N, C-alpha and C. Protein backbone atom coordinates (compact mmCIF):
# COMPACT_ATOMS: atom_id res chain seq x y z
N MET A 1 26.94 9.85 4.13
CA MET A 1 25.53 10.10 4.03
C MET A 1 24.70 9.08 4.29
N LYS A 2 23.59 9.03 5.15
CA LYS A 2 22.77 7.77 5.35
C LYS A 2 21.81 7.77 4.20
N ALA A 3 21.68 6.51 3.75
CA ALA A 3 20.68 6.27 2.68
C ALA A 3 19.32 6.44 3.22
N CYS A 4 18.51 6.90 2.22
CA CYS A 4 17.05 7.21 2.48
C CYS A 4 16.34 5.76 2.32
N ASP A 5 15.70 5.11 3.16
CA ASP A 5 14.99 3.91 2.95
C ASP A 5 13.50 4.13 2.93
N LEU A 6 12.97 4.17 1.82
CA LEU A 6 11.50 4.26 1.64
C LEU A 6 10.97 2.89 1.41
N GLN A 7 11.60 2.01 0.81
CA GLN A 7 11.08 0.56 0.57
C GLN A 7 10.69 -0.17 1.75
N SER A 8 11.34 -0.02 2.78
CA SER A 8 10.95 -0.84 4.11
C SER A 8 9.56 -0.56 4.46
N GLY A 9 9.34 0.65 4.67
CA GLY A 9 7.88 1.20 5.14
C GLY A 9 6.85 0.72 3.92
N ALA A 10 7.28 0.82 2.70
CA ALA A 10 6.31 0.57 1.72
C ALA A 10 6.10 -0.91 1.60
N SER A 11 7.14 -1.69 1.97
CA SER A 11 6.89 -3.20 1.94
C SER A 11 5.93 -3.56 3.11
N ARG A 12 6.06 -2.83 4.34
CA ARG A 12 5.08 -3.25 5.30
C ARG A 12 3.73 -2.85 4.96
N ILE A 13 3.56 -1.71 4.19
CA ILE A 13 2.30 -1.39 3.82
C ILE A 13 1.71 -2.25 2.91
N ARG A 14 2.53 -2.72 1.79
CA ARG A 14 1.98 -3.66 0.82
C ARG A 14 1.49 -5.00 1.47
N ARG A 15 2.33 -5.44 2.35
CA ARG A 15 2.09 -6.79 3.15
C ARG A 15 0.74 -6.62 3.89
N ALA A 16 0.48 -5.32 4.52
CA ALA A 16 -0.78 -5.14 5.31
C ALA A 16 -1.82 -4.94 4.47
N LEU A 17 -1.80 -4.46 3.16
CA LEU A 17 -2.79 -4.29 2.20
C LEU A 17 -3.18 -5.85 1.84
N GLU A 18 -2.11 -6.51 1.51
CA GLU A 18 -2.36 -8.04 1.13
C GLU A 18 -3.15 -8.89 2.09
N ARG A 19 -2.73 -8.60 3.46
CA ARG A 19 -3.45 -9.33 4.55
C ARG A 19 -4.85 -8.88 4.61
N LEU A 20 -5.15 -7.28 4.44
CA LEU A 20 -6.37 -7.04 4.50
C LEU A 20 -7.29 -7.55 3.49
N GLU A 21 -6.81 -7.78 2.22
CA GLU A 21 -7.60 -8.20 1.21
C GLU A 21 -7.88 -9.67 1.35
N LEU A 22 -6.88 -10.59 1.91
CA LEU A 22 -7.04 -11.93 2.36
C LEU A 22 -8.17 -12.02 3.21
N ALA A 23 -7.99 -11.01 4.37
CA ALA A 23 -9.02 -11.13 5.56
C ALA A 23 -10.39 -10.89 5.20
N TRP A 24 -10.42 -9.85 4.18
CA TRP A 24 -11.70 -9.56 3.76
C TRP A 24 -12.29 -10.72 2.88
N ALA A 25 -11.68 -11.15 2.05
CA ALA A 25 -12.16 -12.34 1.20
C ALA A 25 -12.60 -13.50 2.00
N GLU A 26 -11.83 -13.80 3.18
CA GLU A 26 -12.24 -14.76 4.14
C GLU A 26 -13.63 -14.36 4.73
N ALA A 27 -13.69 -13.26 5.06
CA ALA A 27 -14.82 -12.69 5.98
C ALA A 27 -16.05 -12.91 5.06
N THR A 28 -16.01 -12.59 3.76
CA THR A 28 -17.08 -12.56 2.95
C THR A 28 -17.63 -13.87 2.67
N THR A 29 -16.86 -14.93 3.03
CA THR A 29 -17.41 -16.26 2.73
C THR A 29 -18.70 -16.44 3.95
N GLU A 30 -18.55 -15.77 5.13
CA GLU A 30 -19.44 -15.89 5.94
C GLU A 30 -20.38 -14.61 6.20
N TRP A 31 -19.74 -13.56 5.88
CA TRP A 31 -20.53 -12.35 5.90
C TRP A 31 -20.64 -11.68 4.55
N ASN A 32 -21.73 -12.01 3.98
CA ASN A 32 -22.19 -11.66 2.63
C ASN A 32 -23.65 -11.08 2.61
N ASP A 33 -23.81 -9.93 3.10
CA ASP A 33 -25.27 -9.44 3.23
C ASP A 33 -24.99 -7.98 2.77
N GLU A 34 -26.11 -7.09 2.78
CA GLU A 34 -26.14 -5.74 2.37
C GLU A 34 -25.09 -4.90 3.32
N ALA A 35 -25.06 -5.23 4.47
CA ALA A 35 -24.10 -4.56 5.41
C ALA A 35 -22.67 -4.87 5.10
N SER A 36 -22.32 -6.05 4.66
CA SER A 36 -20.92 -6.22 4.38
C SER A 36 -20.58 -5.52 2.82
N ARG A 37 -21.64 -5.48 2.06
CA ARG A 37 -21.42 -4.80 0.76
C ARG A 37 -21.34 -3.20 1.10
N ALA A 38 -22.05 -2.85 1.89
CA ALA A 38 -21.97 -1.34 2.23
C ALA A 38 -20.57 -0.96 2.96
N PHE A 39 -20.22 -1.96 3.82
CA PHE A 39 -18.78 -1.76 4.47
C PHE A 39 -17.67 -1.79 3.39
N ALA A 40 -17.83 -2.68 2.32
CA ALA A 40 -16.76 -2.94 1.33
C ALA A 40 -16.75 -1.57 0.56
N GLU A 41 -18.08 -1.11 0.27
CA GLU A 41 -18.13 0.07 -0.72
C GLU A 41 -17.83 1.37 0.05
N GLN A 42 -17.90 1.55 1.27
CA GLN A 42 -17.71 2.72 2.05
C GLN A 42 -16.24 2.74 2.48
N HIS A 43 -15.60 1.62 2.88
CA HIS A 43 -14.38 1.64 3.54
C HIS A 43 -13.31 0.99 2.70
N LEU A 44 -13.61 -0.07 2.05
CA LEU A 44 -12.56 -0.78 1.50
C LEU A 44 -12.27 -0.28 0.11
N GLU A 45 -13.35 -0.22 -0.74
CA GLU A 45 -13.13 0.06 -2.07
C GLU A 45 -12.41 1.47 -2.31
N PRO A 46 -12.72 2.40 -1.43
CA PRO A 46 -12.15 3.70 -1.70
C PRO A 46 -10.57 3.67 -1.24
N ILE A 47 -10.00 2.87 -0.32
CA ILE A 47 -8.86 3.01 0.09
C ILE A 47 -7.69 2.06 -0.75
N ILE A 48 -8.29 0.98 -1.17
CA ILE A 48 -7.33 0.23 -2.04
C ILE A 48 -6.73 0.75 -3.00
N PRO A 49 -7.38 1.32 -3.98
CA PRO A 49 -6.56 2.10 -5.14
C PRO A 49 -5.74 3.16 -4.60
N VAL A 50 -6.21 3.84 -3.54
CA VAL A 50 -5.41 5.02 -3.16
C VAL A 50 -4.04 4.36 -2.55
N VAL A 51 -4.11 3.23 -1.72
CA VAL A 51 -2.99 2.64 -1.06
C VAL A 51 -1.98 2.32 -2.43
N LYS A 52 -2.62 1.62 -3.31
CA LYS A 52 -1.81 1.15 -4.43
C LYS A 52 -1.21 2.14 -5.39
N THR A 53 -1.81 3.15 -5.47
CA THR A 53 -1.21 4.51 -6.23
C THR A 53 -0.17 5.18 -5.39
N SER A 54 -0.21 5.12 -3.96
CA SER A 54 0.71 5.74 -2.95
C SER A 54 1.92 4.88 -3.03
N LEU A 55 1.73 3.52 -3.12
CA LEU A 55 2.95 2.57 -3.15
C LEU A 55 3.55 2.76 -4.39
N ASP A 56 2.94 3.07 -5.54
CA ASP A 56 3.77 3.30 -6.80
C ASP A 56 4.49 4.49 -6.78
N ALA A 57 3.98 5.57 -6.13
CA ALA A 57 4.45 6.90 -5.92
C ALA A 57 5.75 6.61 -4.98
N VAL A 58 5.63 5.97 -4.13
CA VAL A 58 6.81 5.72 -3.13
C VAL A 58 7.89 5.07 -3.87
N GLY A 59 7.58 4.24 -4.68
CA GLY A 59 8.53 3.37 -5.63
C GLY A 59 9.47 4.48 -6.37
N ARG A 60 8.53 5.38 -7.06
CA ARG A 60 9.25 6.30 -7.94
C ARG A 60 10.10 7.34 -7.11
N MET A 61 9.63 7.67 -6.07
CA MET A 61 10.34 8.70 -5.10
C MET A 61 11.57 7.96 -4.58
N ASP A 62 11.56 6.71 -4.31
CA ASP A 62 12.78 5.87 -3.80
C ASP A 62 13.73 5.91 -5.11
N LEU A 63 13.21 5.77 -6.24
CA LEU A 63 14.41 5.89 -7.33
C LEU A 63 14.95 7.41 -7.51
N LEU A 64 14.15 8.26 -7.20
CA LEU A 64 14.67 9.64 -7.30
C LEU A 64 15.63 9.86 -6.29
N MET A 65 15.26 9.44 -4.91
CA MET A 65 15.98 9.59 -3.70
C MET A 65 17.50 8.94 -3.83
N ARG A 66 17.31 7.83 -4.39
CA ARG A 66 18.73 6.88 -4.78
C ARG A 66 19.44 7.73 -5.84
N GLN A 67 18.93 8.26 -6.82
CA GLN A 67 19.56 8.88 -7.86
C GLN A 67 20.34 10.28 -7.17
N ALA A 68 19.57 10.93 -6.49
CA ALA A 68 19.98 12.26 -5.71
C ALA A 68 21.20 11.84 -4.97
N GLN A 69 21.13 10.79 -4.25
CA GLN A 69 22.13 10.44 -3.34
C GLN A 69 23.42 10.11 -4.17
N ARG A 70 23.15 9.41 -5.15
CA ARG A 70 24.37 9.03 -6.05
C ARG A 70 25.01 10.28 -6.60
N ASP A 71 24.10 11.08 -6.96
CA ASP A 71 24.55 12.58 -7.63
C ASP A 71 25.46 13.22 -6.51
N CYS A 72 24.90 13.24 -5.20
CA CYS A 72 25.49 14.07 -4.07
C CYS A 72 26.87 13.36 -3.87
N GLU A 73 27.00 11.98 -3.93
CA GLU A 73 28.20 11.41 -3.51
C GLU A 73 29.28 11.53 -4.50
N SER A 74 28.83 11.93 -5.84
CA SER A 74 29.87 12.02 -6.84
C SER A 74 30.72 13.14 -6.86
């Protein structure tokens, strides 16, 4: 039975989120006005906690899938 790999995709998402946060931190050194604050409030602030919560859920699902696979192989 082929192993289910949820961690590879989760790792790519985690790295992308880190790059997004770094890029935003760099952008705000030059772009720090009402428009940038509105952009952050409307687009960044809502998705960051959702992505982090989703990554936690993927981690838990990965553990469950690995356990199920071990159980099926027994």
